[in-house]
Amino acid sequence: MKKIIFATLISVVLSIGAYAQKGSVLLYGNLNFNSTQSAADAKTTTFGITPGIGYQFSDHFTLGLNLGYSYSQSTPAGEPSSPSLNTFSAGPFIRYSCNVSNVFSFFTQFNTDYISTTQSGSPSITGFDAKIYPAFCANIKNGLSLVFSFGSIGFTSTKASGANNSATNFGLNFGSGPMFGISKHFGGMKK
């Protein structure tokens, strides 16, 4: 049960943003934390935060900037902790929103991020990541909405410093990890 609750907490997407209204500002972000300890007393801790800000320049399109930081560290049983793994990311996004009714809306967001990963004693890794994901919003009241995301398609290309070849990854994830969140619009032009 603890794993289900913890997985749900990790997948919660907290967004404070705009409800498809021209001239509004979108603020959103993801937050996750996970600490596991195995039967053999090995421990792994991860943390991540990815805020974003955007401007809704029409009733359907928002442009903005994503930032991100993640941390991971493992401690094998009876051994000292491994060096922490730190990843930073930043890049633009574009979101297309479509109101289906006064209660429901749909959006698709495309993110592109520059990424940089460092770990003491290992070569640094840099590259880029691109992801597109769809989501539904249910408007509760005055632009406050519940957000339901149900998958993504992504591509990542990275290269370690001093390496000749890059590593690439393509991912398709639908239906295996829905995310839930909250959205709130601020500002915007009155109609």
N, C-alpha and C. Protein backbone atom coordinates (compact mmCIF):
# COMPACT_ATOMS: atom_id res chain seq x y z
N MET A 1 0.82 -1.19 0.00
CA MET A 1 0.00 0.00 0.00
C MET A 1 0.86 1.25 0.00
N LYS A 2 1.99 1.21 0.78
CA LYS A 2 2.87 2.37 0.82
C LYS A 2 3.43 2.68 -0.56
N LYS A 3 3.73 1.64 -1.34
CA LYS A 3 4.26 1.86 -2.68
C LYS A 3 3.23 2.52 -3.58
N ILE A 4 1.97 2.14 -3.47
CA ILE A 4 0.92 2.74 -4.28
C ILE A 4 0.74 4.21 -3.92
N ILE A 5 0.69 4.50 -2.63
CA ILE A 5 0.54 5.89 -2.19
C ILE A 5 1.74 6.71 -2.63
N PHE A 6 2.94 6.15 -2.46
CA PHE A 6 4.15 6.88 -2.83
C PHE A 6 4.22 7.10 -4.33
N ALA A 7 3.86 6.09 -5.12
CA ALA A 7 3.85 6.23 -6.58
C ALA A 7 2.86 7.29 -7.00
N THR A 8 1.72 7.35 -6.33
CA THR A 8 0.73 8.37 -6.64
C THR A 8 1.27 9.76 -6.32
N LEU A 9 1.94 9.90 -5.18
CA LEU A 9 2.51 11.20 -4.81
C LEU A 9 3.58 11.64 -5.81
N ILE A 10 4.39 10.70 -6.25
CA ILE A 10 5.44 11.03 -7.21
C ILE A 10 4.84 11.48 -8.52
N SER A 11 3.76 10.85 -8.95
CA SER A 11 3.19 11.16 -10.25
C SER A 11 2.26 12.38 -10.23
N VAL A 12 2.06 12.97 -9.05
CA VAL A 12 1.20 14.14 -9.00
C VAL A 12 1.91 15.32 -9.65
N VAL A 13 1.23 15.94 -10.55
CA VAL A 13 1.77 17.11 -11.23
C VAL A 13 1.04 18.32 -10.68
N LEU A 14 1.78 19.21 -10.02
CA LEU A 14 1.16 20.42 -9.50
C LEU A 14 1.39 21.54 -10.50
N SER A 15 0.34 21.99 -11.13
CA SER A 15 0.44 23.09 -12.07
C SER A 15 -0.42 24.23 -11.56
N ILE A 16 0.15 25.40 -11.59
CA ILE A 16 -0.63 26.59 -11.33
C ILE A 16 -0.51 27.38 -12.61
N GLY A 17 -1.57 27.53 -13.33
CA GLY A 17 -1.42 28.14 -14.62
C GLY A 17 -2.67 28.75 -15.16
N ALA A 18 -2.77 28.77 -16.46
CA ALA A 18 -3.83 29.47 -17.14
C ALA A 18 -4.82 28.51 -17.77
N TYR A 19 -6.09 28.94 -17.82
CA TYR A 19 -7.16 28.15 -18.42
C TYR A 19 -7.45 28.70 -19.81
N ALA A 20 -6.53 28.54 -20.74
CA ALA A 20 -6.68 28.90 -22.14
C ALA A 20 -7.33 30.26 -22.33
N GLN A 21 -6.75 31.29 -21.75
CA GLN A 21 -7.30 32.64 -21.85
C GLN A 21 -6.20 33.59 -22.28
N LYS A 22 -6.41 34.27 -23.40
CA LYS A 22 -5.42 35.18 -23.97
C LYS A 22 -4.95 36.20 -22.93
N GLY A 23 -3.65 36.42 -22.88
CA GLY A 23 -3.06 37.40 -21.99
C GLY A 23 -2.77 36.90 -20.59
N SER A 24 -3.01 35.64 -20.30
CA SER A 24 -2.77 35.12 -18.95
C SER A 24 -1.36 34.54 -18.84
N VAL A 25 -0.93 34.37 -17.61
CA VAL A 25 0.39 33.80 -17.32
C VAL A 25 0.20 32.40 -16.75
N LEU A 26 0.96 31.45 -17.27
CA LEU A 26 0.91 30.05 -16.84
C LEU A 26 2.11 29.77 -15.95
N LEU A 27 1.85 29.34 -14.74
CA LEU A 27 2.90 28.86 -13.82
C LEU A 27 2.57 27.42 -13.49
N TYR A 28 3.54 26.53 -13.60
CA TYR A 28 3.28 25.13 -13.29
C TYR A 28 4.57 24.47 -12.85
N GLY A 29 4.46 23.25 -12.40
CA GLY A 29 5.66 22.53 -12.02
C GLY A 29 5.38 21.12 -11.59
N ASN A 30 6.42 20.32 -11.60
CA ASN A 30 6.37 18.95 -11.12
C ASN A 30 7.30 18.84 -9.92
N LEU A 31 6.93 18.01 -8.98
CA LEU A 31 7.74 17.78 -7.80
C LEU A 31 7.67 16.30 -7.47
N ASN A 32 8.83 15.67 -7.25
CA ASN A 32 8.80 14.26 -6.83
C ASN A 32 9.92 13.99 -5.83
N PHE A 33 9.66 13.03 -4.97
CA PHE A 33 10.62 12.57 -3.99
C PHE A 33 10.39 11.08 -3.78
N ASN A 34 11.47 10.32 -3.71
CA ASN A 34 11.34 8.88 -3.51
C ASN A 34 12.54 8.40 -2.70
N SER A 35 12.28 7.62 -1.67
CA SER A 35 13.33 7.02 -0.85
C SER A 35 12.96 5.56 -0.66
N THR A 36 13.82 4.67 -1.13
CA THR A 36 13.55 3.24 -1.00
C THR A 36 14.68 2.55 -0.24
N GLN A 37 14.32 1.52 0.50
CA GLN A 37 15.31 0.72 1.20
C GLN A 37 14.94 -0.73 0.98
N SER A 38 15.88 -1.49 0.45
CA SER A 38 15.61 -2.90 0.14
C SER A 38 15.80 -3.76 1.38
N ALA A 39 15.42 -5.03 1.22
CA ALA A 39 15.58 -5.99 2.31
C ALA A 39 17.06 -6.16 2.68
N ALA A 40 17.95 -5.92 1.71
CA ALA A 40 19.39 -6.05 1.96
C ALA A 40 19.99 -4.74 2.48
N ASP A 41 19.13 -3.80 2.90
CA ASP A 41 19.52 -2.51 3.46
C ASP A 41 20.19 -1.56 2.47
N ALA A 42 20.05 -1.80 1.17
CA ALA A 42 20.51 -0.83 0.18
C ALA A 42 19.47 0.29 0.12
N LYS A 43 19.92 1.53 0.00
CA LYS A 43 19.02 2.68 0.03
C LYS A 43 19.24 3.55 -1.19
N THR A 44 18.15 4.02 -1.79
CA THR A 44 18.21 4.93 -2.93
C THR A 44 17.27 6.10 -2.65
N THR A 45 17.77 7.32 -2.88
CA THR A 45 16.98 8.53 -2.69
C THR A 45 16.99 9.33 -3.98
N THR A 46 15.81 9.76 -4.43
CA THR A 46 15.71 10.62 -5.61
C THR A 46 14.80 11.79 -5.29
N PHE A 47 15.10 12.92 -5.94
CA PHE A 47 14.33 14.15 -5.78
C PHE A 47 14.35 14.87 -7.11
N GLY A 48 13.24 15.51 -7.47
CA GLY A 48 13.21 16.28 -8.71
C GLY A 48 12.20 17.41 -8.63
N ILE A 49 12.52 18.52 -9.27
CA ILE A 49 11.61 19.66 -9.35
C ILE A 49 11.75 20.27 -10.75
N THR A 50 10.63 20.55 -11.40
CA THR A 50 10.65 21.13 -12.74
C THR A 50 9.58 22.22 -12.86
N PRO A 51 9.91 23.45 -12.50
CA PRO A 51 8.96 24.54 -12.68
C PRO A 51 8.96 25.05 -14.12
N GLY A 52 7.89 25.73 -14.48
CA GLY A 52 7.80 26.34 -15.80
C GLY A 52 6.94 27.59 -15.74
N ILE A 53 7.19 28.51 -16.66
CA ILE A 53 6.41 29.73 -16.77
C ILE A 53 6.15 30.01 -18.25
N GLY A 54 4.95 30.47 -18.56
CA GLY A 54 4.60 30.75 -19.94
C GLY A 54 3.62 31.89 -20.05
N TYR A 55 3.47 32.39 -21.26
CA TYR A 55 2.53 33.47 -21.54
C TYR A 55 1.55 32.97 -22.59
N GLN A 56 0.25 33.12 -22.32
CA GLN A 56 -0.81 32.68 -23.22
C GLN A 56 -1.08 33.82 -24.20
N PHE A 57 -0.46 33.74 -25.41
CA PHE A 57 -0.59 34.85 -26.35
C PHE A 57 -1.82 34.77 -27.23
N SER A 58 -2.57 33.68 -27.16
CA SER A 58 -3.88 33.57 -27.81
C SER A 58 -4.72 32.63 -26.97
N ASP A 59 -5.99 32.45 -27.34
CA ASP A 59 -6.84 31.54 -26.58
C ASP A 59 -6.39 30.09 -26.68
N HIS A 60 -5.49 29.79 -27.62
CA HIS A 60 -5.08 28.40 -27.83
C HIS A 60 -3.59 28.14 -27.59
N PHE A 61 -2.73 29.13 -27.71
CA PHE A 61 -1.28 28.88 -27.66
C PHE A 61 -0.61 29.58 -26.49
N THR A 62 0.30 28.84 -25.85
CA THR A 62 1.13 29.36 -24.76
C THR A 62 2.58 29.03 -25.09
N LEU A 63 3.46 30.03 -24.93
CA LEU A 63 4.90 29.83 -25.07
C LEU A 63 5.55 30.07 -23.72
N GLY A 64 6.57 29.28 -23.40
CA GLY A 64 7.20 29.48 -22.11
C GLY A 64 8.54 28.80 -21.97
N LEU A 65 9.02 28.74 -20.74
CA LEU A 65 10.33 28.20 -20.40
C LEU A 65 10.20 27.19 -19.27
N ASN A 66 10.82 26.01 -19.46
CA ASN A 66 10.91 24.97 -18.42
C ASN A 66 12.29 25.03 -17.78
N LEU A 67 12.35 24.75 -16.50
CA LEU A 67 13.62 24.56 -15.79
C LEU A 67 13.50 23.23 -15.05
N GLY A 68 14.60 22.62 -14.71
CA GLY A 68 14.52 21.36 -13.98
C GLY A 68 15.79 21.03 -13.24
N TYR A 69 15.62 20.31 -12.14
CA TYR A 69 16.75 19.80 -11.36
C TYR A 69 16.33 18.45 -10.79
N SER A 70 17.23 17.47 -10.88
CA SER A 70 16.99 16.18 -10.23
C SER A 70 18.26 15.70 -9.54
N TYR A 71 18.06 14.93 -8.49
CA TYR A 71 19.14 14.43 -7.65
C TYR A 71 18.87 12.96 -7.37
N SER A 72 19.92 12.16 -7.41
CA SER A 72 19.78 10.74 -7.09
C SER A 72 21.05 10.27 -6.38
N GLN A 73 20.88 9.44 -5.35
CA GLN A 73 22.03 8.88 -4.65
C GLN A 73 21.67 7.50 -4.13
N SER A 74 22.61 6.57 -4.27
CA SER A 74 22.42 5.20 -3.80
C SER A 74 23.46 4.87 -2.74
N THR A 75 23.03 4.08 -1.77
CA THR A 75 23.94 3.60 -0.73
C THR A 75 23.80 2.09 -0.67
N PRO A 76 24.75 1.34 -1.27
CA PRO A 76 24.69 -0.13 -1.20
C PRO A 76 24.86 -0.60 0.25
N ALA A 77 24.30 -1.75 0.57
CA ALA A 77 24.37 -2.29 1.93
C ALA A 77 25.82 -2.43 2.39
N GLY A 78 26.13 -1.85 3.54
CA GLY A 78 27.44 -1.98 4.14
C GLY A 78 28.55 -1.23 3.42
N GLU A 79 28.23 -0.35 2.50
CA GLU A 79 29.23 0.41 1.75
C GLU A 79 28.94 1.89 1.87
N PRO A 80 29.95 2.73 1.58
CA PRO A 80 29.69 4.17 1.60
C PRO A 80 28.76 4.57 0.44
N SER A 81 28.13 5.70 0.59
CA SER A 81 27.23 6.21 -0.45
C SER A 81 27.99 6.48 -1.74
N SER A 82 27.34 6.21 -2.85
CA SER A 82 27.93 6.55 -4.14
C SER A 82 27.82 8.06 -4.33
N PRO A 83 28.65 8.65 -5.22
CA PRO A 83 28.51 10.08 -5.47
C PRO A 83 27.12 10.39 -6.01
N SER A 84 26.58 11.53 -5.61
CA SER A 84 25.24 11.90 -6.06
C SER A 84 25.25 12.24 -7.55
N LEU A 85 24.14 11.97 -8.21
CA LEU A 85 23.95 12.26 -9.62
C LEU A 85 23.03 13.47 -9.70
N ASN A 86 23.51 14.57 -10.32
CA ASN A 86 22.75 15.82 -10.41
C ASN A 86 22.48 16.14 -11.87
N THR A 87 21.23 16.42 -12.21
CA THR A 87 20.85 16.76 -13.58
C THR A 87 20.11 18.09 -13.59
N PHE A 88 20.56 18.98 -14.47
CA PHE A 88 19.92 20.28 -14.68
C PHE A 88 19.36 20.30 -16.10
N SER A 89 18.22 20.97 -16.27
CA SER A 89 17.63 21.10 -17.61
C SER A 89 16.96 22.46 -17.75
N ALA A 90 16.90 22.94 -18.98
CA ALA A 90 16.23 24.21 -19.29
C ALA A 90 15.88 24.22 -20.76
N GLY A 91 14.72 24.78 -21.08
CA GLY A 91 14.34 24.88 -22.48
C GLY A 91 12.94 25.42 -22.66
N PRO A 92 12.60 25.75 -23.90
CA PRO A 92 11.28 26.31 -24.20
C PRO A 92 10.21 25.24 -24.32
N PHE A 93 8.96 25.67 -24.21
CA PHE A 93 7.82 24.79 -24.49
C PHE A 93 6.75 25.57 -25.23
N ILE A 94 5.90 24.84 -25.94
CA ILE A 94 4.71 25.42 -26.55
C ILE A 94 3.54 24.51 -26.20
N ARG A 95 2.42 25.12 -25.86
CA ARG A 95 1.23 24.37 -25.47
C ARG A 95 0.06 24.83 -26.33
N TYR A 96 -0.69 23.86 -26.86
CA TYR A 96 -1.92 24.15 -27.59
C TYR A 96 -3.09 23.68 -26.75
N SER A 97 -4.01 24.60 -26.43
CA SER A 97 -5.17 24.28 -25.60
C SER A 97 -6.45 24.42 -26.42
N CYS A 98 -7.42 23.58 -26.12
CA CYS A 98 -8.70 23.61 -26.81
C CYS A 98 -9.80 23.35 -25.79
N ASN A 99 -10.71 24.32 -25.61
CA ASN A 99 -11.84 24.13 -24.71
C ASN A 99 -12.89 23.27 -25.39
N VAL A 100 -13.27 22.17 -24.75
CA VAL A 100 -14.30 21.29 -25.28
C VAL A 100 -15.67 21.77 -24.82
N SER A 101 -15.76 22.30 -23.60
CA SER A 101 -16.98 22.87 -23.03
C SER A 101 -16.55 23.85 -21.95
N ASN A 102 -17.53 24.37 -21.18
CA ASN A 102 -17.19 25.25 -20.07
C ASN A 102 -16.49 24.49 -18.94
N VAL A 103 -16.60 23.18 -18.95
CA VAL A 103 -16.02 22.37 -17.89
C VAL A 103 -14.74 21.67 -18.33
N PHE A 104 -14.70 21.15 -19.56
CA PHE A 104 -13.56 20.34 -19.99
C PHE A 104 -12.73 21.03 -21.07
N SER A 105 -11.43 20.83 -20.99
CA SER A 105 -10.51 21.29 -22.04
C SER A 105 -9.44 20.24 -22.24
N PHE A 106 -8.73 20.36 -23.34
CA PHE A 106 -7.68 19.44 -23.74
C PHE A 106 -6.46 20.27 -24.08
N PHE A 107 -5.26 19.81 -23.73
CA PHE A 107 -4.06 20.48 -24.22
C PHE A 107 -3.00 19.46 -24.58
N THR A 108 -2.14 19.88 -25.49
CA THR A 108 -0.96 19.12 -25.88
C THR A 108 0.24 20.04 -25.68
N GLN A 109 1.27 19.55 -25.01
CA GLN A 109 2.46 20.37 -24.76
C GLN A 109 3.69 19.70 -25.34
N PHE A 110 4.52 20.52 -25.99
CA PHE A 110 5.79 20.06 -26.56
C PHE A 110 6.91 20.77 -25.84
N ASN A 111 7.79 20.01 -25.17
CA ASN A 111 8.94 20.54 -24.43
C ASN A 111 10.22 20.19 -25.16
N THR A 112 11.17 21.09 -25.18
CA THR A 112 12.53 20.79 -25.61
C THR A 112 13.47 21.33 -24.54
N ASP A 113 14.38 20.51 -24.07
CA ASP A 113 15.27 20.92 -22.98
C ASP A 113 16.72 20.57 -23.28
N TYR A 114 17.61 21.47 -22.92
CA TYR A 114 19.04 21.19 -22.85
C TYR A 114 19.25 20.52 -21.50
N ILE A 115 20.02 19.42 -21.45
CA ILE A 115 20.24 18.72 -20.19
C ILE A 115 21.74 18.58 -19.92
N SER A 116 22.09 18.63 -18.64
CA SER A 116 23.48 18.48 -18.20
C SER A 116 23.48 17.64 -16.92
N THR A 117 24.23 16.55 -16.94
CA THR A 117 24.29 15.64 -15.79
C THR A 117 25.73 15.55 -15.30
N THR A 118 25.90 15.67 -13.98
CA THR A 118 27.24 15.56 -13.38
C THR A 118 27.21 14.57 -12.23
N GLN A 119 28.33 13.86 -12.08
CA GLN A 119 28.53 12.95 -10.96
C GLN A 119 30.02 12.94 -10.67
N SER A 120 30.39 13.13 -9.42
CA SER A 120 31.79 13.17 -9.02
C SER A 120 32.50 11.89 -9.48
N GLY A 121 33.64 12.06 -10.14
CA GLY A 121 34.43 10.91 -10.60
C GLY A 121 33.99 10.35 -11.93
N SER A 122 32.96 10.92 -12.55
CA SER A 122 32.47 10.45 -13.85
C SER A 122 32.46 11.61 -14.84
N PRO A 123 32.56 11.31 -16.14
CA PRO A 123 32.49 12.39 -17.12
C PRO A 123 31.10 13.03 -17.11
N SER A 124 31.05 14.34 -17.36
CA SER A 124 29.76 15.01 -17.42
C SER A 124 29.04 14.60 -18.72
N ILE A 125 27.73 14.65 -18.69
CA ILE A 125 26.90 14.26 -19.83
C ILE A 125 26.03 15.45 -20.21
N THR A 126 26.00 15.80 -21.49
CA THR A 126 25.15 16.87 -21.97
C THR A 126 24.34 16.38 -23.16
N GLY A 127 23.27 17.07 -23.45
CA GLY A 127 22.45 16.70 -24.59
C GLY A 127 21.14 17.45 -24.60
N PHE A 128 20.16 16.88 -25.31
CA PHE A 128 18.84 17.49 -25.33
C PHE A 128 17.76 16.43 -25.24
N ASP A 129 16.60 16.91 -24.84
CA ASP A 129 15.44 16.04 -24.64
C ASP A 129 14.24 16.74 -25.27
N ALA A 130 13.40 16.01 -25.97
CA ALA A 130 12.17 16.54 -26.55
C ALA A 130 11.03 15.61 -26.18
N LYS A 131 9.90 16.18 -25.76
CA LYS A 131 8.77 15.36 -25.33
C LYS A 131 7.47 16.06 -25.69
N ILE A 132 6.49 15.27 -26.10
CA ILE A 132 5.15 15.78 -26.34
C ILE A 132 4.18 14.93 -25.54
N TYR A 133 3.23 15.61 -24.88
CA TYR A 133 2.25 14.86 -24.10
C TYR A 133 0.89 15.54 -24.12
N PRO A 134 -0.18 14.73 -24.15
CA PRO A 134 -1.54 15.24 -24.10
C PRO A 134 -2.08 15.21 -22.67
N ALA A 135 -3.08 16.07 -22.39
CA ALA A 135 -3.72 16.08 -21.08
C ALA A 135 -5.13 16.65 -21.18
N PHE A 136 -5.98 16.27 -20.24
CA PHE A 136 -7.33 16.81 -20.10
C PHE A 136 -7.40 17.65 -18.84
N CYS A 137 -8.23 18.70 -18.87
CA CYS A 137 -8.48 19.52 -17.69
C CYS A 137 -9.97 19.54 -17.41
N ALA A 138 -10.33 19.47 -16.14
CA ALA A 138 -11.71 19.63 -15.70
C ALA A 138 -11.78 20.89 -14.87
N ASN A 139 -12.47 21.93 -15.38
CA ASN A 139 -12.58 23.21 -14.71
C ASN A 139 -13.51 23.08 -13.51
N ILE A 140 -12.99 23.37 -12.32
CA ILE A 140 -13.79 23.27 -11.11
C ILE A 140 -14.55 24.58 -10.88
N LYS A 141 -13.81 25.69 -10.84
CA LYS A 141 -14.43 27.00 -10.63
C LYS A 141 -13.40 28.09 -10.83
N ASN A 142 -13.78 29.15 -11.53
CA ASN A 142 -12.94 30.33 -11.72
C ASN A 142 -11.54 30.00 -12.22
N GLY A 143 -11.43 29.10 -13.19
CA GLY A 143 -10.13 28.76 -13.77
C GLY A 143 -9.32 27.74 -12.99
N LEU A 144 -9.81 27.29 -11.83
CA LEU A 144 -9.15 26.24 -11.08
C LEU A 144 -9.54 24.91 -11.70
N SER A 145 -8.56 24.12 -12.13
CA SER A 145 -8.84 22.88 -12.86
C SER A 145 -8.05 21.71 -12.31
N LEU A 146 -8.60 20.51 -12.50
CA LEU A 146 -7.87 19.27 -12.27
C LEU A 146 -7.29 18.84 -13.61
N VAL A 147 -6.04 18.42 -13.62
CA VAL A 147 -5.34 18.04 -14.85
C VAL A 147 -5.06 16.54 -14.82
N PHE A 148 -5.36 15.87 -15.94
CA PHE A 148 -5.13 14.43 -16.07
C PHE A 148 -4.27 14.19 -17.31
N SER A 149 -3.02 13.78 -17.11
CA SER A 149 -2.12 13.47 -18.22
C SER A 149 -2.01 11.96 -18.31
N PHE A 150 -1.96 11.44 -19.52
CA PHE A 150 -2.04 9.99 -19.68
C PHE A 150 -0.95 9.40 -20.56
N GLY A 151 0.18 10.05 -20.71
CA GLY A 151 1.27 9.45 -21.47
C GLY A 151 2.11 10.48 -22.17
N SER A 152 3.11 10.00 -22.91
CA SER A 152 4.00 10.90 -23.63
C SER A 152 4.80 10.15 -24.69
N ILE A 153 5.34 10.92 -25.61
CA ILE A 153 6.30 10.42 -26.59
C ILE A 153 7.53 11.30 -26.43
N GLY A 154 8.72 10.69 -26.31
CA GLY A 154 9.92 11.49 -26.09
C GLY A 154 11.14 10.95 -26.79
N PHE A 155 12.11 11.83 -26.99
CA PHE A 155 13.39 11.50 -27.61
C PHE A 155 14.49 12.21 -26.83
N THR A 156 15.57 11.50 -26.52
CA THR A 156 16.70 12.08 -25.80
C THR A 156 17.99 11.70 -26.52
N SER A 157 18.88 12.67 -26.65
CA SER A 157 20.21 12.43 -27.21
C SER A 157 21.24 13.04 -26.26
N THR A 158 22.18 12.22 -25.78
CA THR A 158 23.20 12.70 -24.84
C THR A 158 24.58 12.23 -25.27
N LYS A 159 25.59 12.94 -24.78
CA LYS A 159 26.98 12.59 -25.08
C LYS A 159 27.82 12.88 -23.85
N ALA A 160 28.64 11.91 -23.45
CA ALA A 160 29.56 12.10 -22.32
C ALA A 160 30.77 12.90 -22.79
N SER A 161 31.30 13.75 -21.91
CA SER A 161 32.47 14.53 -22.29
C SER A 161 33.63 13.58 -22.62
N GLY A 162 34.30 13.85 -23.72
CA GLY A 162 35.41 13.02 -24.17
C GLY A 162 35.00 11.82 -25.00
N ALA A 163 33.70 11.57 -25.13
CA ALA A 163 33.25 10.42 -25.92
C ALA A 163 33.07 10.83 -27.38
N ASN A 164 33.24 9.86 -28.29
CA ASN A 164 33.05 10.13 -29.71
C ASN A 164 31.61 9.93 -30.15
N ASN A 165 30.89 9.05 -29.48
CA ASN A 165 29.52 8.72 -29.89
C ASN A 165 28.51 9.23 -28.87
N SER A 166 27.31 9.52 -29.37
CA SER A 166 26.24 9.93 -28.47
C SER A 166 25.28 8.76 -28.25
N ALA A 167 24.52 8.86 -27.18
CA ALA A 167 23.50 7.85 -26.87
C ALA A 167 22.14 8.47 -27.16
N THR A 168 21.25 7.70 -27.76
CA THR A 168 19.91 8.19 -28.04
C THR A 168 18.88 7.26 -27.43
N ASN A 169 17.73 7.83 -27.10
CA ASN A 169 16.65 7.05 -26.52
C ASN A 169 15.32 7.58 -27.05
N PHE A 170 14.46 6.69 -27.51
CA PHE A 170 13.11 7.04 -27.92
C PHE A 170 12.16 6.33 -26.97
N GLY A 171 11.19 7.07 -26.42
CA GLY A 171 10.27 6.46 -25.47
C GLY A 171 8.82 6.75 -25.81
N LEU A 172 7.99 5.74 -25.68
CA LEU A 172 6.55 5.85 -25.88
C LEU A 172 5.90 5.32 -24.62
N ASN A 173 5.12 6.16 -23.94
CA ASN A 173 4.53 5.78 -22.66
C ASN A 173 3.08 6.24 -22.64
N PHE A 174 2.15 5.31 -22.83
CA PHE A 174 0.73 5.65 -22.76
C PHE A 174 0.00 4.64 -21.90
N GLY A 175 -0.75 5.14 -20.94
CA GLY A 175 -1.58 4.28 -20.11
C GLY A 175 -0.90 3.60 -18.95
N SER A 176 0.43 3.74 -18.81
CA SER A 176 1.10 3.01 -17.74
C SER A 176 1.40 3.87 -16.52
N GLY A 177 1.17 5.15 -16.58
CA GLY A 177 1.45 6.01 -15.43
C GLY A 177 0.74 7.34 -15.53
N PRO A 178 -0.59 7.36 -15.37
CA PRO A 178 -1.29 8.63 -15.46
C PRO A 178 -0.85 9.58 -14.35
N MET A 179 -0.85 10.87 -14.64
CA MET A 179 -0.49 11.88 -13.66
C MET A 179 -1.70 12.77 -13.41
N PHE A 180 -1.81 13.24 -12.19
CA PHE A 180 -2.91 14.10 -11.79
C PHE A 180 -2.33 15.39 -11.26
N GLY A 181 -3.02 16.50 -11.49
CA GLY A 181 -2.51 17.76 -11.01
C GLY A 181 -3.59 18.80 -10.87
N ILE A 182 -3.18 20.01 -10.57
CA ILE A 182 -4.06 21.15 -10.38
C ILE A 182 -3.57 22.28 -11.26
N SER A 183 -4.49 23.03 -11.84
CA SER A 183 -4.16 24.14 -12.70
C SER A 183 -5.00 25.35 -12.30
N LYS A 184 -4.42 26.54 -12.32
CA LYS A 184 -5.15 27.75 -12.00
C LYS A 184 -4.71 28.86 -12.93
N HIS A 185 -5.68 29.58 -13.55
CA HIS A 185 -5.39 30.72 -14.42
C HIS A 185 -5.28 32.01 -13.65
N PHE A 186 -4.32 32.81 -14.04
CA PHE A 186 -4.16 34.14 -13.48
C PHE A 186 -4.12 35.15 -14.61
N GLY A 187 -4.85 36.23 -14.47
CA GLY A 187 -4.84 37.30 -15.47
C GLY A 187 -5.64 36.91 -16.68
N GLY A 188 -5.33 37.58 -17.77
CA GLY A 188 -6.02 37.30 -19.02
C GLY A 188 -6.98 38.40 -19.39
N MET A 189 -7.34 38.41 -20.65
CA MET A 189 -8.24 39.42 -21.16
C MET A 189 -9.68 39.00 -20.89
N LYS A 190 -10.48 39.92 -20.41
CA LYS A 190 -11.89 39.62 -20.16
C LYS A 190 -12.66 39.68 -21.46
N LYS A 191 -13.59 38.74 -21.63
CA LYS A 191 -14.40 38.70 -22.85
C LYS A 191 -15.77 39.23 -22.59
